[in-house]
Amino acid sequence: MHAVGFDVNGGPEVLRPQEVRTPAPGPGQVLIEVAWAGVNYGELQHVLGDFGPPEGPGGVDVPGLEVSGEIAALGSGVSGLAVGDPVAAYLPDGGGYAEYAVAPAEFVFPLDGIPLREGGGAALVLTTAYGVLTGAARLRAGETVLIHAAAGGVGSAAAQISRALGAAVVHGTVGSAEKAEYAKRFGYDAVHLRSDFADRLRDIDVVLDPVGGQTRLSSLALLAPFGRLAVYGEAAREPDLTLPVLPFWKSNRSLAGYNIGDLARRAPRTVRGHALSAFALLAAGTIRLDISAELPLDRAAEAHEAMRAGRNVGKTLLAVNPRLG
């Protein structure tokens, strides 16, 4: 089958078209004929080598953590799904930049009227946004939220989900004025430049941070009593912080983490619950996924380059087989 993969770590230029063997679903797995594949920062990290060298068949790794498409085959023990069903899927082991992908049945979600195109960028992004808000940050109705990377796929979804969960005020931060204009369409009360948010805000109940570095450090000082800083990424690629513990006690602050890969291994039912809750909001029209760019599969490197340079907003999709829907 046709795919895009890499056999050596490096920048986006190492992503190349590949011909690889079509996978077969094992017990508890589902084979999906891919229509659309979402592009995510975790896939850029995969290519750059943050998760180690490529170890796939023939030394080729195929990235891709979320897809939509139609079920092509079911492994033994799978129930509640049928060949031909339109679905979205989270792929904890990657493989989405290809004509076919295998997913654990627990992470395959019926689309229930959601278009395949929209579903292609939903399984990772919406699950992460819902999970970091409810699992790590434990958002409660009436609270004030600050979302870093407000114009990104997770950020734009998290703003809407925060509202759906009863947040009273939602702030965002971005890296440029252009991104601020884009982010405002998702219901933020205010969108601040990342360079000056710390001078403008106080008493935040929940901060969502996929950035790291100085942004993370500055956010801690803004927390209200019993405020929570929820970490779910490291896009700044800066050295890890070394934090003393006593200020958390003395200032009534909490630090939490959300990593969907770890949850997929240790608490898959939790991941599924987060995903189903988020997909229900999408199906009801309570939230929307903004697809800002589409590229053919063979141009995946361009999508990674835009992400690496910080030019991307919203959700970028790769059109693998858009004729499916």
Protein backbone atom coordinates (compact mmCIF):
# COMPACT_ATOMS: atom_id res chain seq x y z
CA MET A 1 0.00 0.00 0.00
CA HIS A 2 1.03 3.62 -0.42
CA ALA A 3 2.22 5.51 2.67
CA VAL A 4 4.48 8.33 3.80
CA GLY A 5 7.19 7.40 6.27
CA PHE A 6 10.81 7.83 7.30
CA ASP A 7 13.80 5.57 7.79
CA VAL A 8 16.04 8.06 9.60
CA ASN A 9 15.26 10.78 12.12
CA GLY A 10 15.51 14.39 11.05
CA GLY A 11 13.49 17.34 9.86
CA PRO A 12 10.38 17.18 7.71
CA GLU A 13 12.53 16.48 4.66
CA VAL A 14 13.07 12.88 5.78
CA LEU A 15 9.36 12.13 5.25
CA ARG A 16 9.02 10.40 1.87
CA PRO A 17 6.47 8.35 -0.07
CA GLN A 18 6.87 4.65 0.69
CA GLU A 19 5.36 1.37 -0.46
CA VAL A 20 4.78 -0.79 2.60
CA ARG A 21 2.87 -3.93 3.42
CA THR A 22 -0.84 -3.52 4.15
CA PRO A 23 -1.37 -4.38 7.82
CA ALA A 24 -3.75 -7.09 9.01
CA PRO A 25 -5.88 -6.64 12.13
CA GLY A 26 -4.95 -8.86 15.04
CA PRO A 27 -7.21 -9.86 17.93
CA GLY A 28 -9.11 -6.85 19.22
CA GLN A 29 -8.01 -4.68 16.30
CA VAL A 30 -9.73 -2.96 13.38
CA LEU A 31 -8.36 -2.34 9.88
CA ILE A 32 -9.44 1.03 8.49
CA GLU A 33 -9.30 2.19 4.88
CA VAL A 34 -8.11 5.74 5.53
CA ALA A 35 -9.92 8.71 4.03
CA TRP A 36 -8.29 11.52 6.02
CA ALA A 37 -5.36 11.70 8.44
CA GLY A 38 -4.84 14.49 10.96
CA VAL A 39 -1.46 16.17 11.38
CA ASN A 40 -0.29 16.64 14.98
CA TYR A 41 2.75 17.90 16.86
CA GLY A 42 3.39 14.43 18.26
CA GLU A 43 4.04 13.21 14.71
CA LEU A 44 6.64 15.94 14.19
CA GLN A 45 8.29 14.80 17.43
CA HIS A 46 8.23 11.21 16.13
CA VAL A 47 10.07 12.23 12.96
CA LEU A 48 12.56 14.43 14.82
CA GLY A 49 13.54 11.49 17.02
CA ASP A 50 12.00 12.41 20.36
CA PHE A 51 10.59 8.87 20.59
CA GLY A 52 13.69 7.09 19.30
CA PRO A 53 14.84 5.85 15.89
CA PRO A 54 12.44 4.26 13.38
CA GLU A 55 11.75 0.62 14.22
CA GLY A 56 8.97 -0.32 11.81
CA PRO A 57 9.06 -3.12 9.21
CA GLY A 58 12.09 -2.69 6.99
CA GLY A 59 13.31 0.14 9.22
CA VAL A 60 10.49 2.46 8.09
CA ASP A 61 8.11 4.17 10.53
CA VAL A 62 4.79 5.54 9.29
CA PRO A 63 3.58 8.40 11.53
CA GLY A 64 -0.01 9.40 12.05
CA LEU A 65 -1.99 9.34 15.31
CA GLU A 66 -5.55 9.93 14.09
CA VAL A 67 -7.55 9.03 11.00
CA SER A 68 -11.03 8.66 9.64
CA GLY A 69 -12.26 6.19 7.07
CA GLU A 70 -14.28 3.02 6.61
CA ILE A 71 -13.76 -0.27 8.41
CA ALA A 72 -12.13 -2.74 6.00
CA ALA A 73 -11.75 -5.76 8.30
CA LEU A 74 -12.21 -6.81 11.92
CA GLY A 75 -9.85 -8.83 14.05
CA SER A 76 -11.11 -11.64 16.25
CA GLY A 77 -13.06 -10.66 19.34
CA VAL A 78 -14.26 -7.30 17.99
CA SER A 79 -17.97 -6.59 18.41
CA GLY A 80 -20.23 -3.60 17.92
CA LEU A 81 -18.51 -2.59 14.67
CA ALA A 82 -19.02 -3.75 11.08
CA VAL A 83 -17.13 -3.67 7.81
CA GLY A 84 -18.08 -0.51 5.93
CA ASP A 85 -18.83 1.56 9.04
CA PRO A 86 -17.55 5.17 8.85
CA VAL A 87 -15.31 5.74 11.86
CA ALA A 88 -12.63 7.90 13.40
CA ALA A 89 -9.73 6.32 15.25
CA TYR A 90 -6.88 7.18 17.57
CA LEU A 91 -3.73 5.26 16.67
CA PRO A 92 -1.45 5.02 19.73
CA ASP A 93 1.25 3.29 17.68
CA GLY A 94 0.98 5.59 14.65
CA GLY A 95 0.52 4.44 11.08
CA GLY A 96 -2.07 6.96 9.91
CA TYR A 97 -0.15 8.39 6.95
CA ALA A 98 -1.13 5.42 4.81
CA GLU A 99 -3.96 3.95 2.75
CA TYR A 100 -4.79 1.48 5.53
CA ALA A 101 -4.21 1.66 9.28
CA VAL A 102 -4.80 -0.66 12.22
CA ALA A 103 -6.31 0.62 15.47
CA PRO A 104 -7.30 -1.02 18.75
CA ALA A 105 -11.08 -1.46 18.68
CA GLU A 106 -11.33 0.48 21.94
CA PHE A 107 -10.06 3.58 20.12
CA VAL A 108 -12.36 3.32 17.09
CA PHE A 109 -15.37 5.63 17.25
CA PRO A 110 -18.53 5.58 15.09
CA LEU A 111 -19.03 8.97 13.50
CA ASP A 112 -22.82 9.13 13.99
CA GLY A 113 -23.40 11.61 11.18
CA ILE A 114 -20.11 13.50 11.57
CA PRO A 115 -18.52 13.84 8.09
CA LEU A 116 -15.41 11.76 7.47
CA ARG A 117 -13.44 14.90 6.67
CA GLU A 118 -14.19 16.41 10.07
CA GLY A 119 -13.65 13.11 11.81
CA GLY A 120 -10.16 12.84 10.34
CA GLY A 121 -8.83 15.49 12.68
CA ALA A 122 -10.88 14.68 15.76
CA ALA A 123 -9.80 11.47 17.52
CA LEU A 124 -6.56 12.77 19.03
CA VAL A 125 -7.33 16.49 19.22
CA LEU A 126 -10.78 16.32 20.78
CA THR A 127 -9.86 13.48 23.13
CA THR A 128 -6.83 15.41 24.35
CA ALA A 129 -8.77 18.66 24.80
CA TYR A 130 -11.56 16.94 26.74
CA GLY A 131 -9.15 14.78 28.72
CA VAL A 132 -6.81 17.54 29.81
CA LEU A 133 -9.74 19.69 30.94
CA THR A 134 -11.66 17.01 32.84
CA GLY A 135 -8.92 14.57 33.82
CA ALA A 136 -5.82 16.64 34.56
CA ALA A 137 -7.25 20.12 35.19
CA ARG A 138 -10.54 18.91 36.72
CA LEU A 139 -12.37 21.97 35.42
CA ARG A 140 -15.49 22.99 37.34
CA ALA A 141 -18.35 25.21 36.25
CA GLY A 142 -17.79 28.90 36.98
CA GLU A 143 -13.99 28.77 36.78
CA THR A 144 -11.57 30.91 34.77
CA VAL A 145 -9.40 29.15 32.16
CA LEU A 146 -6.21 30.18 30.35
CA ILE A 147 -5.27 28.17 27.25
CA HIS A 148 -1.82 28.51 25.71
CA ALA A 149 -1.43 27.82 21.98
CA ALA A 150 -4.99 29.06 21.65
CA ALA A 151 -5.01 28.95 17.83
CA GLY A 152 -3.90 25.33 17.54
CA GLY A 153 -6.04 22.26 17.05
CA VAL A 154 -6.26 21.35 20.73
CA GLY A 155 -6.44 24.97 21.87
CA SER A 156 -9.33 25.90 19.59
CA ALA A 157 -11.22 22.78 20.70
CA ALA A 158 -10.41 23.28 24.38
CA ALA A 159 -11.87 26.80 24.36
CA GLN A 160 -15.19 25.47 23.09
CA ILE A 161 -15.20 22.46 25.41
CA SER A 162 -14.42 24.75 28.37
CA ARG A 163 -17.56 26.70 27.59
CA ALA A 164 -19.58 23.52 27.22
CA LEU A 165 -18.37 22.41 30.65
CA GLY A 166 -19.43 25.70 32.25
CA ALA A 167 -16.26 27.82 32.38
CA ALA A 168 -17.10 31.43 33.22
CA VAL A 169 -14.14 33.12 31.51
CA VAL A 170 -11.75 31.72 28.89
CA HIS A 171 -8.47 33.43 27.99
CA GLY A 172 -5.97 32.33 25.37
CA THR A 173 -2.40 33.13 24.37
CA VAL A 174 -0.77 32.99 20.94
CA GLY A 175 2.54 33.92 19.37
CA SER A 176 1.37 36.56 16.89
CA ALA A 177 -1.35 39.11 16.21
CA GLU A 178 -2.48 37.09 13.18
CA LYS A 179 -3.02 34.02 15.31
CA ALA A 180 -4.91 36.12 17.87
CA GLU A 181 -7.42 37.17 15.20
CA TYR A 182 -7.86 33.54 14.17
CA ALA A 183 -8.33 32.28 17.74
CA LYS A 184 -11.03 34.80 18.61
CA ARG A 185 -13.57 32.86 16.54
CA PHE A 186 -13.63 30.03 19.14
CA GLY A 187 -15.29 31.93 21.98
CA TYR A 188 -12.35 33.31 23.94
CA ASP A 189 -13.13 36.30 26.15
CA ALA A 190 -9.67 37.63 25.30
CA VAL A 191 -6.63 36.41 23.39
CA HIS A 192 -3.23 37.71 24.52
CA LEU A 193 0.20 37.64 22.98
CA ARG A 194 2.39 35.12 24.74
CA SER A 195 4.99 37.82 25.29
CA ASP A 196 2.81 39.86 27.68
CA PHE A 197 0.06 37.63 29.12
CA ALA A 198 1.76 37.43 32.51
CA ASP A 199 1.35 41.19 32.99
CA ARG A 200 -2.36 41.12 32.17
CA LEU A 201 -3.83 38.17 34.08
CA ARG A 202 -4.28 37.10 37.69
CA ASP A 203 -6.21 34.48 39.68
CA ILE A 204 -6.62 31.85 36.98
CA ASP A 205 -8.24 28.61 38.11
CA VAL A 206 -7.02 26.41 35.25
CA VAL A 207 -4.08 26.82 32.85
CA LEU A 208 -3.60 24.45 29.91
CA ASP A 209 0.02 24.45 28.73
CA PRO A 210 1.47 22.55 25.75
CA VAL A 211 4.30 25.09 25.36
CA GLY A 212 6.69 24.78 28.29
CA GLY A 213 9.72 26.86 29.21
CA GLN A 214 9.16 30.42 30.42
CA THR A 215 5.48 30.26 29.46
CA ARG A 216 5.00 27.44 31.96
CA LEU A 217 6.98 29.18 34.67
CA SER A 218 5.08 32.45 34.25
CA SER A 219 1.76 30.61 34.36
CA LEU A 220 2.40 29.19 37.81
CA ALA A 221 2.47 32.66 39.33
CA LEU A 222 -0.99 33.46 37.94
CA LEU A 223 -2.86 30.60 39.62
CA ALA A 224 -5.72 31.37 41.99
CA PRO A 225 -5.92 29.52 45.32
CA PHE A 226 -6.26 25.83 44.42
CA GLY A 227 -5.50 26.69 40.79
CA ARG A 228 -4.21 23.92 38.51
CA LEU A 229 -1.58 24.07 35.78
CA ALA A 230 -2.16 21.16 33.39
CA VAL A 231 0.77 20.25 31.16
CA TYR A 232 0.20 18.31 27.93
CA GLY A 233 3.11 19.12 25.65
CA GLU A 234 6.51 20.74 25.20
CA ALA A 235 6.27 22.67 21.93
CA ALA A 236 8.90 25.23 22.92
CA ARG A 237 11.47 22.42 23.03
CA GLU A 238 13.26 24.16 25.90
CA PRO A 239 15.07 22.39 28.77
CA ASP A 240 12.75 20.94 31.39
CA LEU A 241 12.01 23.12 34.40
CA THR A 242 13.39 22.26 37.82
CA LEU A 243 10.75 23.41 40.28
CA PRO A 244 10.84 23.58 44.09
CA VAL A 245 7.90 21.92 45.79
CA LEU A 246 7.37 24.28 48.73
CA PRO A 247 5.81 27.10 46.64
CA PHE A 248 3.06 24.70 45.57
CA TRP A 249 2.20 24.15 49.22
CA LYS A 250 2.61 27.74 50.34
CA SER A 251 0.59 29.22 47.46
CA ASN A 252 -2.09 26.50 47.18
CA ARG A 253 -1.15 25.51 43.63
CA SER A 254 -1.24 22.21 41.77
CA LEU A 255 0.66 20.87 38.76
CA ALA A 256 -0.84 18.04 36.69
CA GLY A 257 -0.04 16.24 33.46
CA TYR A 258 -1.99 14.70 30.60
CA ASN A 259 -0.38 12.26 28.18
CA ILE A 260 -2.75 10.31 25.97
CA GLY A 261 -0.10 7.73 25.06
CA ASP A 262 0.41 6.78 28.70
CA LEU A 263 -3.35 6.63 29.27
CA ALA A 264 -3.80 4.44 26.21
CA ARG A 265 -1.43 1.90 27.77
CA ARG A 266 -2.61 2.08 31.36
CA ALA A 267 -6.19 3.33 31.29
CA PRO A 268 -7.69 2.75 27.82
CA ARG A 269 -11.26 2.96 29.11
CA THR A 270 -10.52 6.47 30.34
CA VAL A 271 -9.31 7.47 26.88
CA ARG A 272 -12.42 5.99 25.31
CA GLY A 273 -14.66 7.82 27.76
CA HIS A 274 -12.97 11.16 27.02
CA ALA A 275 -13.26 10.54 23.29
CA LEU A 276 -16.93 9.55 23.35
CA SER A 277 -17.82 12.61 25.43
CA ALA A 278 -15.98 14.90 23.02
CA PHE A 279 -17.47 13.27 19.93
CA ALA A 280 -20.95 13.69 21.42
CA LEU A 281 -20.34 17.45 21.67
CA LEU A 282 -19.14 17.50 18.06
CA ALA A 283 -22.12 15.50 16.79
CA ALA A 284 -24.52 17.81 18.63
CA GLY A 285 -22.96 20.92 17.09
CA THR A 286 -21.90 22.24 20.51
CA ILE A 287 -18.30 22.42 19.31
CA ARG A 288 -16.74 22.43 15.87
CA LEU A 289 -13.41 21.42 14.41
CA ASP A 290 -11.87 24.09 12.20
CA ILE A 291 -10.00 22.51 9.30
CA SER A 292 -7.66 25.22 8.09
CA ALA A 293 -5.55 23.29 5.56
CA GLU A 294 -5.70 20.16 3.40
CA LEU A 295 -2.77 18.58 1.60
CA PRO A 296 -2.37 15.39 -0.42
CA LEU A 297 -0.73 12.58 1.52
CA ASP A 298 2.54 12.87 -0.42
CA ARG A 299 2.92 16.47 0.78
CA ALA A 300 2.95 15.55 4.47
CA ALA A 301 6.43 17.05 4.80
CA GLU A 302 4.99 20.48 3.98
CA ALA A 303 2.50 20.16 6.80
CA HIS A 304 5.30 19.25 9.20
CA GLU A 305 7.42 22.16 8.04
CA ALA A 306 4.58 24.61 8.69
CA MET A 307 4.08 23.15 12.15
CA ARG A 308 7.77 23.25 12.95
CA ALA A 309 7.92 26.91 11.91
CA GLY A 310 4.84 27.77 13.97
CA ARG A 311 2.80 28.85 10.95
CA ASN A 312 -0.09 26.43 11.43
CA VAL A 313 -3.46 27.27 12.97
CA GLY A 314 -6.48 25.07 13.53
CA LYS A 315 -6.35 21.59 12.04
CA THR A 316 -4.37 20.37 9.04
CA LEU A 317 -5.54 17.21 7.26
CA LEU A 318 -3.88 14.90 4.78
CA ALA A 319 -6.23 13.72 2.02
CA VAL A 320 -5.44 10.01 1.76
CA ASN A 321 -8.58 8.78 0.00
CA PRO A 322 -11.13 11.61 0.15
CA ARG A 323 -13.48 9.85 -2.28
CA LEU A 324 -14.68 7.82 0.72
CA GLY A 325 -16.34 10.97 2.06
